Amino acid sequence: MIGRLFWLTVGAVLGVAGYRRLAALARSVSPAARARALTRFTADVREGMQIYMERQPGDRPSTLEGQQRHGELPGPSAGRAR
């Protein structure tokens, strides 16, 4: 019984270690696939930001600029004690 448990543990440890090494090897062999995925992701983000900017009205000030003009921040009243 103890012998089987020993070999089961040895097999599990070797299996996990082997899997990690093979996964690392696969990642190092194929950096081009990662670069392509990163390029596609970057293009998607840029396209999304372009669509977002096209939908925003250009004549409105940013939120920070609007707060500075009004002299106060939105939210709970400034005079309230914490």
PDB file of N, CA and C in Angstrom:
ATOM      1  N   MET A   1       0.825  -1.192   0.000  1.00  0.00           N
ATOM      2  CA  MET A   1       0.000   0.000   0.000  1.00  0.00           C
ATOM      3  C   MET A   1       0.866   1.251   0.000  1.00  0.00           C
ATOM      4  N   ILE A   2       1.873   1.298   0.892  1.00  0.00           N
ATOM      5  CA  ILE A   2       2.741   2.468   0.975  1.00  0.00           C
ATOM      6  C   ILE A   2       3.572   2.598  -0.304  1.00  0.00           C
ATOM      7  N   GLY A   3       3.981   1.480  -0.879  1.00  0.00           N
ATOM      8  CA  GLY A   3       4.750   1.497  -2.127  1.00  0.00           C
ATOM      9  C   GLY A   3       3.935   2.093  -3.274  1.00  0.00           C
ATOM     10  N   ARG A   4       2.664   1.714  -3.354  1.00  0.00           N
ATOM     11  CA  ARG A   4       1.800   2.267  -4.410  1.00  0.00           C
ATOM     12  C   ARG A   4       1.592   3.763  -4.224  1.00  0.00           C
ATOM     13  N   LEU A   5       1.415   4.189  -2.993  1.00  0.00           N
ATOM     14  CA  LEU A   5       1.245   5.612  -2.719  1.00  0.00           C
ATOM     15  C   LEU A   5       2.507   6.379  -3.092  1.00  0.00           C
ATOM     16  N   PHE A   6       3.673   5.802  -2.819  1.00  0.00           N
ATOM     17  CA  PHE A   6       4.938   6.431  -3.188  1.00  0.00           C
ATOM     18  C   PHE A   6       5.023   6.613  -4.695  1.00  0.00           C
ATOM     19  N   TRP A   7       4.739   5.557  -5.457  1.00  0.00           N
ATOM     20  CA  TRP A   7       4.845   5.641  -6.904  1.00  0.00           C
ATOM     21  C   TRP A   7       3.766   6.544  -7.505  1.00  0.00           C
ATOM     22  N   LEU A   8       2.630   6.571  -6.890  1.00  0.00           N
ATOM     23  CA  LEU A   8       1.584   7.494  -7.345  1.00  0.00           C
ATOM     24  C   LEU A   8       2.038   8.941  -7.165  1.00  0.00           C
ATOM     25  N   THR A   9       2.641   9.224  -6.013  1.00  0.00           N
ATOM     26  CA  THR A   9       3.149  10.574  -5.743  1.00  0.00           C
ATOM     27  C   THR A   9       4.284  10.926  -6.702  1.00  0.00           C
ATOM     28  N   VAL A  10       5.206   9.995  -6.927  1.00  0.00           N
ATOM     29  CA  VAL A  10       6.314  10.232  -7.859  1.00  0.00           C
ATOM     30  C   VAL A  10       5.763  10.499  -9.261  1.00  0.00           C
ATOM     31  N   GLY A  11       4.788   9.731  -9.679  1.00  0.00           N
ATOM     32  CA  GLY A  11       4.197   9.922 -11.008  1.00  0.00           C
ATOM     33  C   GLY A  11       3.503  11.275 -11.137  1.00  0.00           C
ATOM     34  N   ALA A  12       2.803  11.670 -10.094  1.00  0.00           N
ATOM     35  CA  ALA A  12       2.116  12.968 -10.132  1.00  0.00           C
ATOM     36  C   ALA A  12       3.126  14.109 -10.204  1.00  0.00           C
ATOM     37  N   VAL A  13       4.181  14.024  -9.412  1.00  0.00           N
ATOM     38  CA  VAL A  13       5.199  15.081  -9.412  1.00  0.00           C
ATOM     39  C   VAL A  13       5.890  15.153 -10.775  1.00  0.00           C
ATOM     40  N   LEU A  14       6.272  14.012 -11.312  1.00  0.00           N
ATOM     41  CA  LEU A  14       6.918  14.003 -12.622  1.00  0.00           C
ATOM     42  C   LEU A  14       5.966  14.478 -13.717  1.00  0.00           C
ATOM     43  N   GLY A  15       4.706  14.134 -13.609  1.00  0.00           N
ATOM     44  CA  GLY A  15       3.726  14.583 -14.602  1.00  0.00           C
ATOM     45  C   GLY A  15       3.547  16.088 -14.592  1.00  0.00           C
ATOM     46  N   VAL A  16       3.452  16.668 -13.419  1.00  0.00           N
ATOM     47  CA  VAL A  16       3.293  18.125 -13.316  1.00  0.00           C
ATOM     48  C   VAL A  16       4.552  18.828 -13.811  1.00  0.00           C
ATOM     49  N   ALA A  17       5.719  18.318 -13.403  1.00  0.00           N
ATOM     50  CA  ALA A  17       6.975  18.938 -13.834  1.00  0.00           C
ATOM     51  C   ALA A  17       7.135  18.827 -15.349  1.00  0.00           C
ATOM     52  N   GLY A  18       6.817  17.683 -15.902  1.00  0.00           N
ATOM     53  CA  GLY A  18       6.911  17.504 -17.356  1.00  0.00           C
ATOM     54  C   GLY A  18       5.941  18.402 -18.104  1.00  0.00           C
ATOM     55  N   TYR A  19       4.738  18.534 -17.594  1.00  0.00           N
ATOM     56  CA  TYR A  19       3.747  19.394 -18.235  1.00  0.00           C
ATOM     57  C   TYR A  19       4.220  20.846 -18.249  1.00  0.00           C
ATOM     58  N   ARG A  20       4.773  21.297 -17.139  1.00  0.00           N
ATOM     59  CA  ARG A  20       5.252  22.689 -17.067  1.00  0.00           C
ATOM     60  C   ARG A  20       6.400  22.925 -18.036  1.00  0.00           C
ATOM     61  N   ARG A  21       7.299  21.965 -18.134  1.00  0.00           N
ATOM     62  CA  ARG A  21       8.421  22.128 -19.066  1.00  0.00           C
ATOM     63  C   ARG A  21       7.947  22.125 -20.506  1.00  0.00           C
ATOM     64  N   LEU A  22       7.016  21.253 -20.839  1.00  0.00           N
ATOM     65  CA  LEU A  22       6.488  21.232 -22.206  1.00  0.00           C
ATOM     66  C   LEU A  22       5.722  22.513 -22.530  1.00  0.00           C
ATOM     67  N   ALA A  23       4.981  23.033 -21.577  1.00  0.00           N
ATOM     68  CA  ALA A  23       4.253  24.278 -21.801  1.00  0.00           C
ATOM     69  C   ALA A  23       5.223  25.433 -22.012  1.00  0.00           C
ATOM     70  N   ALA A  24       6.303  25.482 -21.222  1.00  0.00           N
ATOM     71  CA  ALA A  24       7.306  26.535 -21.395  1.00  0.00           C
ATOM     72  C   ALA A  24       7.994  26.415 -22.744  1.00  0.00           C
ATOM     73  N   LEU A  25       8.277  25.187 -23.153  1.00  0.00           N
ATOM     74  CA  LEU A  25       8.898  24.967 -24.455  1.00  0.00           C
ATOM     75  C   LEU A  25       7.962  25.411 -25.579  1.00  0.00           C
ATOM     76  N   ALA A  26       6.699  25.099 -25.467  1.00  0.00           N
ATOM     77  CA  ALA A  26       5.738  25.499 -26.495  1.00  0.00           C
ATOM     78  C   ALA A  26       5.618  27.021 -26.577  1.00  0.00           C
ATOM     79  N   ARG A  27       5.655  27.686 -25.430  1.00  0.00           N
ATOM     80  CA  ARG A  27       5.586  29.155 -25.440  1.00  0.00           C
ATOM     81  C   ARG A  27       6.824  29.759 -26.082  1.00  0.00           C
ATOM     82  N   SER A  28       7.994  29.172 -25.836  1.00  0.00           N
ATOM     83  CA  SER A  28       9.228  29.736 -26.392  1.00  0.00           C
ATOM     84  C   SER A  28       9.348  29.456 -27.884  1.00  0.00           C
ATOM     85  N   VAL A  29       8.758  28.376 -28.367  1.00  0.00           N
ATOM     86  CA  VAL A  29       8.845  28.021 -29.783  1.00  0.00           C
ATOM     87  C   VAL A  29       7.960  28.934 -30.623  1.00  0.00           C
ATOM     88  N   SER A  30       6.865  29.391 -30.086  1.00  0.00           N
ATOM     89  CA  SER A  30       5.879  30.098 -30.882  1.00  0.00           C
ATOM     90  C   SER A  30       5.655  31.548 -30.426  1.00  0.00           C
ATOM     91  N   PRO A  31       6.693  32.381 -30.415  1.00  0.00           N
ATOM     92  CA  PRO A  31       6.446  33.774 -30.044  1.00  0.00           C
ATOM     93  C   PRO A  31       5.727  34.544 -31.144  1.00  0.00           C
ATOM     94  N   ALA A  32       5.792  34.065 -32.372  1.00  0.00           N
ATOM     95  CA  ALA A  32       5.119  34.753 -33.481  1.00  0.00           C
ATOM     96  C   ALA A  32       3.604  34.736 -33.277  1.00  0.00           C
ATOM     97  N   ALA A  33       3.076  33.648 -32.751  1.00  0.00           N
ATOM     98  CA  ALA A  33       1.632  33.582 -32.507  1.00  0.00           C
ATOM     99  C   ALA A  33       1.225  34.588 -31.438  1.00  0.00           C
ATOM    100  N   ARG A  34       2.047  34.734 -30.409  1.00  0.00           N
ATOM    101  CA  ARG A  34       1.760  35.732 -29.368  1.00  0.00           C
ATOM    102  C   ARG A  34       1.810  37.135 -29.948  1.00  0.00           C
ATOM    103  N   ALA A  35       2.790  37.397 -30.798  1.00  0.00           N
ATOM    104  CA  ALA A  35       2.922  38.731 -31.402  1.00  0.00           C
ATOM    105  C   ALA A  35       1.715  39.038 -32.274  1.00  0.00           C
ATOM    106  N   ARG A  36       1.244  38.049 -33.029  1.00  0.00           N
ATOM    107  CA  ARG A  36       0.054  38.258 -33.868  1.00  0.00           C
ATOM    108  C   ARG A  36      -1.165  38.549 -33.011  1.00  0.00           C
ATOM    109  N   ALA A  37      -1.330  37.810 -31.924  1.00  0.00           N
ATOM    110  CA  ALA A  37      -2.470  38.027 -31.034  1.00  0.00           C
ATOM    111  C   ALA A  37      -2.405  39.411 -30.402  1.00  0.00           C
ATOM    112  N   LEU A  38      -1.217  39.835 -30.002  1.00  0.00           N
ATOM    113  CA  LEU A  38      -1.047  41.159 -29.415  1.00  0.00           C
ATOM    114  C   LEU A  38      -1.330  42.254 -30.443  1.00  0.00           C
ATOM    115  N   THR A  39      -0.902  42.041 -31.673  1.00  0.00           N
ATOM    116  CA  THR A  39      -1.157  43.011 -32.741  1.00  0.00           C
ATOM    117  C   THR A  39      -2.652  43.128 -32.999  1.00  0.00           C
ATOM    118  N   ARG A  40      -3.352  41.998 -33.047  1.00  0.00           N
ATOM    119  CA  ARG A  40      -4.806  42.038 -33.262  1.00  0.00           C
ATOM    120  C   ARG A  40      -5.519  42.731 -32.104  1.00  0.00           C
ATOM    121  N   PHE A  41      -5.082  42.447 -30.885  1.00  0.00           N
ATOM    122  CA  PHE A  41      -5.690  43.086 -29.720  1.00  0.00           C
ATOM    123  C   PHE A  41      -5.489  44.602 -29.768  1.00  0.00           C
ATOM    124  N   THR A  42      -4.274  45.031 -30.088  1.00  0.00           N
ATOM    125  CA  THR A  42      -3.978  46.462 -30.175  1.00  0.00           C
ATOM    126  C   THR A  42      -4.831  47.123 -31.254  1.00  0.00           C
ATOM    127  N   ALA A  43      -4.976  46.470 -32.393  1.00  0.00           N
ATOM    128  CA  ALA A  43      -5.798  47.027 -33.471  1.00  0.00           C
ATOM    129  C   ALA A  43      -7.258  47.138 -33.031  1.00  0.00           C
ATOM    130  N   ASP A  44      -7.755  46.144 -32.314  1.00  0.00           N
ATOM    131  CA  ASP A  44      -9.135  46.194 -31.820  1.00  0.00           C
ATOM    132  C   ASP A  44      -9.335  47.341 -30.837  1.00  0.00           C
ATOM    133  N   VAL A  45      -8.363  47.544 -29.961  1.00  0.00           N
ATOM    134  CA  VAL A  45      -8.470  48.640 -28.986  1.00  0.00           C
ATOM    135  C   VAL A  45      -8.459  49.980 -29.702  1.00  0.00           C
ATOM    136  N   ARG A  46      -7.569  50.149 -30.660  1.00  0.00           N
ATOM    137  CA  ARG A  46      -7.510  51.410 -31.403  1.00  0.00           C
ATOM    138  C   ARG A  46      -8.805  51.665 -32.164  1.00  0.00           C
ATOM    139  N   GLU A  47      -9.344  50.622 -32.779  1.00  0.00           N
ATOM    140  CA  GLU A  47     -10.598  50.776 -33.502  1.00  0.00           C
ATOM    141  C   GLU A  47     -11.729  51.155 -32.550  1.00  0.00           C
ATOM    142  N   GLY A  48     -11.774  50.524 -31.391  1.00  0.00           N
ATOM    143  CA  GLY A  48     -12.799  50.851 -30.407  1.00  0.00           C
ATOM    144  C   GLY A  48     -12.673  52.273 -29.910  1.00  0.00           C
ATOM    145  N   MET A  49     -11.459  52.727 -29.663  1.00  0.00           N
ATOM    146  CA  MET A  49     -11.259  54.106 -29.220  1.00  0.00           C
ATOM    147  C   MET A  49     -11.644  55.099 -30.311  1.00  0.00           C
ATOM    148  N   GLN A  50     -11.378  54.756 -31.558  1.00  0.00           N
ATOM    149  CA  GLN A  50     -11.762  55.640 -32.658  1.00  0.00           C
ATOM    150  C   GLN A  50     -13.281  55.755 -32.740  1.00  0.00           C
ATOM    151  N   ILE A  51     -13.972  54.647 -32.612  1.00  0.00           N
ATOM    152  CA  ILE A  51     -15.440  54.669 -32.630  1.00  0.00           C
ATOM    153  C   ILE A  51     -15.963  55.483 -31.453  1.00  0.00           C
ATOM    154  N   TYR A  52     -15.360  55.306 -30.283  1.00  0.00           N
ATOM    155  CA  TYR A  52     -15.778  56.046 -29.090  1.00  0.00           C
ATOM    156  C   TYR A  52     -15.591  57.547 -29.305  1.00  0.00           C
ATOM    157  N   MET A  53     -14.434  57.938 -29.821  1.00  0.00           N
ATOM    158  CA  MET A  53     -14.159  59.359 -30.018  1.00  0.00           C
ATOM    159  C   MET A  53     -15.077  59.967 -31.070  1.00  0.00           C
ATOM    160  N   GLU A  54     -15.465  59.193 -32.078  1.00  0.00           N
ATOM    161  CA  GLU A  54     -16.385  59.701 -33.099  1.00  0.00           C
ATOM    162  C   GLU A  54     -17.770  59.945 -32.521  1.00  0.00           C
ATOM    163  N   ARG A  55     -18.160  59.180 -31.539  1.00  0.00           N
ATOM    164  CA  ARG A  55     -19.494  59.316 -30.949  1.00  0.00           C
ATOM    165  C   ARG A  55     -19.574  60.406 -29.893  1.00  0.00           C
ATOM    166  N   GLN A  56     -18.440  60.889 -29.405  1.00  0.00           N
ATOM    167  CA  GLN A  56     -18.439  61.921 -28.374  1.00  0.00           C
ATOM    168  C   GLN A  56     -18.528  63.298 -29.018  1.00  0.00           C
ATOM    169  N   PRO A  57     -19.368  64.167 -28.467  1.00  0.00           N
ATOM    170  CA  PRO A  57     -19.421  65.525 -29.023  1.00  0.00           C
ATOM    171  C   PRO A  57     -18.103  66.250 -28.753  1.00  0.00           C
ATOM    172  N   GLY A  58     -17.607  66.977 -29.740  1.00  0.00           N
ATOM    173  CA  GLY A  58     -16.303  67.610 -29.637  1.00  0.00           C
ATOM    174  C   GLY A  58     -16.303  68.931 -28.901  1.00  0.00           C
ATOM    175  N   ASP A  59     -17.462  69.589 -28.728  1.00  0.00           N
ATOM    176  CA  ASP A  59     -17.475  70.918 -28.147  1.00  0.00           C
ATOM    177  C   ASP A  59     -17.638  70.917 -26.629  1.00  0.00           C
ATOM    178  N   ARG A  60     -17.898  69.766 -26.017  1.00  0.00           N
ATOM    179  CA  ARG A  60     -18.062  69.711 -24.559  1.00  0.00           C
ATOM    180  C   ARG A  60     -16.712  69.622 -23.875  1.00  0.00           C
ATOM    181  N   PRO A  61     -16.531  70.316 -22.761  1.00  0.00           N
ATOM    182  CA  PRO A  61     -15.261  70.207 -22.032  1.00  0.00           C
ATOM    183  C   PRO A  61     -15.181  68.860 -21.314  1.00  0.00           C
ATOM    184  N   SER A  62     -13.976  68.499 -20.948  1.00  0.00           N
ATOM    185  CA  SER A  62     -13.817  67.258 -20.199  1.00  0.00           C
ATOM    186  C   SER A  62     -14.418  67.429 -18.802  1.00  0.00           C
ATOM    187  N   THR A  63     -14.605  66.346 -18.105  1.00  0.00           N
ATOM    188  CA  THR A  63     -15.221  66.393 -16.781  1.00  0.00           C
ATOM    189  C   THR A  63     -14.398  67.244 -15.824  1.00  0.00           C
ATOM    190  N   LEU A  64     -13.086  67.117 -15.883  1.00  0.00           N
ATOM    191  CA  LEU A  64     -12.225  67.875 -14.982  1.00  0.00           C
ATOM    192  C   LEU A  64     -12.344  69.374 -15.261  1.00  0.00           C
ATOM    193  N   GLU A  65     -12.366  69.739 -16.521  1.00  0.00           N
ATOM    194  CA  GLU A  65     -12.497  71.162 -16.861  1.00  0.00           C
ATOM    195  C   GLU A  65     -13.836  71.713 -16.383  1.00  0.00           C
ATOM    196  N   GLY A  66     -14.899  70.946 -16.516  1.00  0.00           N
ATOM    197  CA  GLY A  66     -16.208  71.379 -16.062  1.00  0.00           C
ATOM    198  C   GLY A  66     -16.256  71.563 -14.559  1.00  0.00           C
ATOM    199  N   GLN A  67     -15.589  70.709 -13.809  1.00  0.00           N
ATOM    200  CA  GLN A  67     -15.565  70.822 -12.351  1.00  0.00           C
ATOM    201  C   GLN A  67     -14.792  72.058 -11.919  1.00  0.00           C
ATOM    202  N   GLN A  68     -13.723  72.378 -12.599  1.00  0.00           N
ATOM    203  CA  GLN A  68     -12.926  73.548 -12.231  1.00  0.00           C
ATOM    204  C   GLN A  68     -13.696  74.835 -12.494  1.00  0.00           C
ATOM    205  N   ARG A  69     -14.517  74.857 -13.532  1.00  0.00           N
ATOM    206  CA  ARG A  69     -15.304  76.046 -13.827  1.00  0.00           C
ATOM    207  C   ARG A  69     -16.365  76.288 -12.772  1.00  0.00           C
ATOM    208  N   HIS A  70     -16.998  75.224 -12.310  1.00  0.00           N
ATOM    209  CA  HIS A  70     -18.078  75.360 -11.332  1.00  0.00           C
ATOM    210  C   HIS A  70     -17.554  75.540  -9.915  1.00  0.00           C
ATOM    211  N   GLY A  71     -16.321  75.180  -9.652  1.00  0.00           N
ATOM    212  CA  GLY A  71     -15.715  75.401  -8.361  1.00  0.00           C
ATOM    213  C   GLY A  71     -16.001  74.345  -7.320  1.00  0.00           C
ATOM    214  N   GLU A  72     -16.663  73.269  -7.680  1.00  0.00           N
ATOM    215  CA  GLU A  72     -16.915  72.213  -6.695  1.00  0.00           C
ATOM    216  C   GLU A  72     -16.975  70.870  -7.382  1.00  0.00           C
ATOM    217  N   LEU A  73     -16.758  69.850  -6.623  1.00  0.00           N
ATOM    218  CA  LEU A  73     -16.802  68.490  -7.139  1.00  0.00           C
ATOM    219  C   LEU A  73     -18.190  67.906  -6.916  1.00  0.00           C
ATOM    220  N   PRO A  74     -18.623  67.013  -7.793  1.00  0.00           N
ATOM    221  CA  PRO A  74     -19.911  66.366  -7.567  1.00  0.00           C
ATOM    222  C   PRO A  74     -19.829  65.402  -6.397  1.00  0.00           C
ATOM    223  N   GLY A  75     -20.962  65.107  -5.811  1.00  0.00           N
ATOM    224  CA  GLY A  75     -20.980  64.148  -4.720  1.00  0.00           C
ATOM    225  C   GLY A  75     -21.533  64.776  -3.457  1.00  0.00           C
ATOM    226  N   PRO A  76     -21.220  64.181  -2.303  1.00  0.00           N
ATOM    227  CA  PRO A  76     -21.725  64.718  -1.027  1.00  0.00           C
ATOM    228  C   PRO A  76     -21.247  66.143  -0.829  1.00  0.00           C
ATOM    229  N   SER A  77     -21.995  66.892  -0.063  1.00  0.00           N
ATOM    230  CA  SER A  77     -21.659  68.301   0.136  1.00  0.00           C
ATOM    231  C   SER A  77     -20.280  68.432   0.780  1.00  0.00           C
ATOM    232  N   ALA A  78     -19.548  69.483   0.378  1.00  0.00           N
ATOM    233  CA  ALA A  78     -18.173  69.654   0.837  1.00  0.00           C
ATOM    234  C   ALA A  78     -18.119  70.058   2.322  1.00  0.00           C
ATOM    235  N   GLY A  79     -19.165  70.678   2.846  1.00  0.00           N
ATOM    236  CA  GLY A  79     -19.150  71.144   4.226  1.00  0.00           C
ATOM    237  C   GLY A  79     -19.459  70.065   5.248  1.00  0.00           C
ATOM    238  N   ARG A  80     -19.793  68.894   4.793  1.00  0.00           N
ATOM    239  CA  ARG A  80     -20.164  67.806   5.701  1.00  0.00           C
ATOM    240  C   ARG A  80     -18.928  67.221   6.382  1.00  0.00           C
ATOM    241  N   ALA A  81     -18.980  67.083   7.705  1.00  0.00           N
ATOM    242  CA  ALA A  81     -17.843  66.538   8.467  1.00  0.00           C
ATOM    243  C   ALA A  81     -17.762  65.035   8.279  1.00  0.00           C
ATOM    244  N   ARG A  82     -16.545  64.540   8.327  1.00  0.00           N
ATOM    245  CA  ARG A  82     -16.316  63.095   8.144  1.00  0.00           C
ATOM    246  C   ARG A  82     -16.311  62.395   9.452  1.00  0.00           C
TER     247      ARG A  82
END
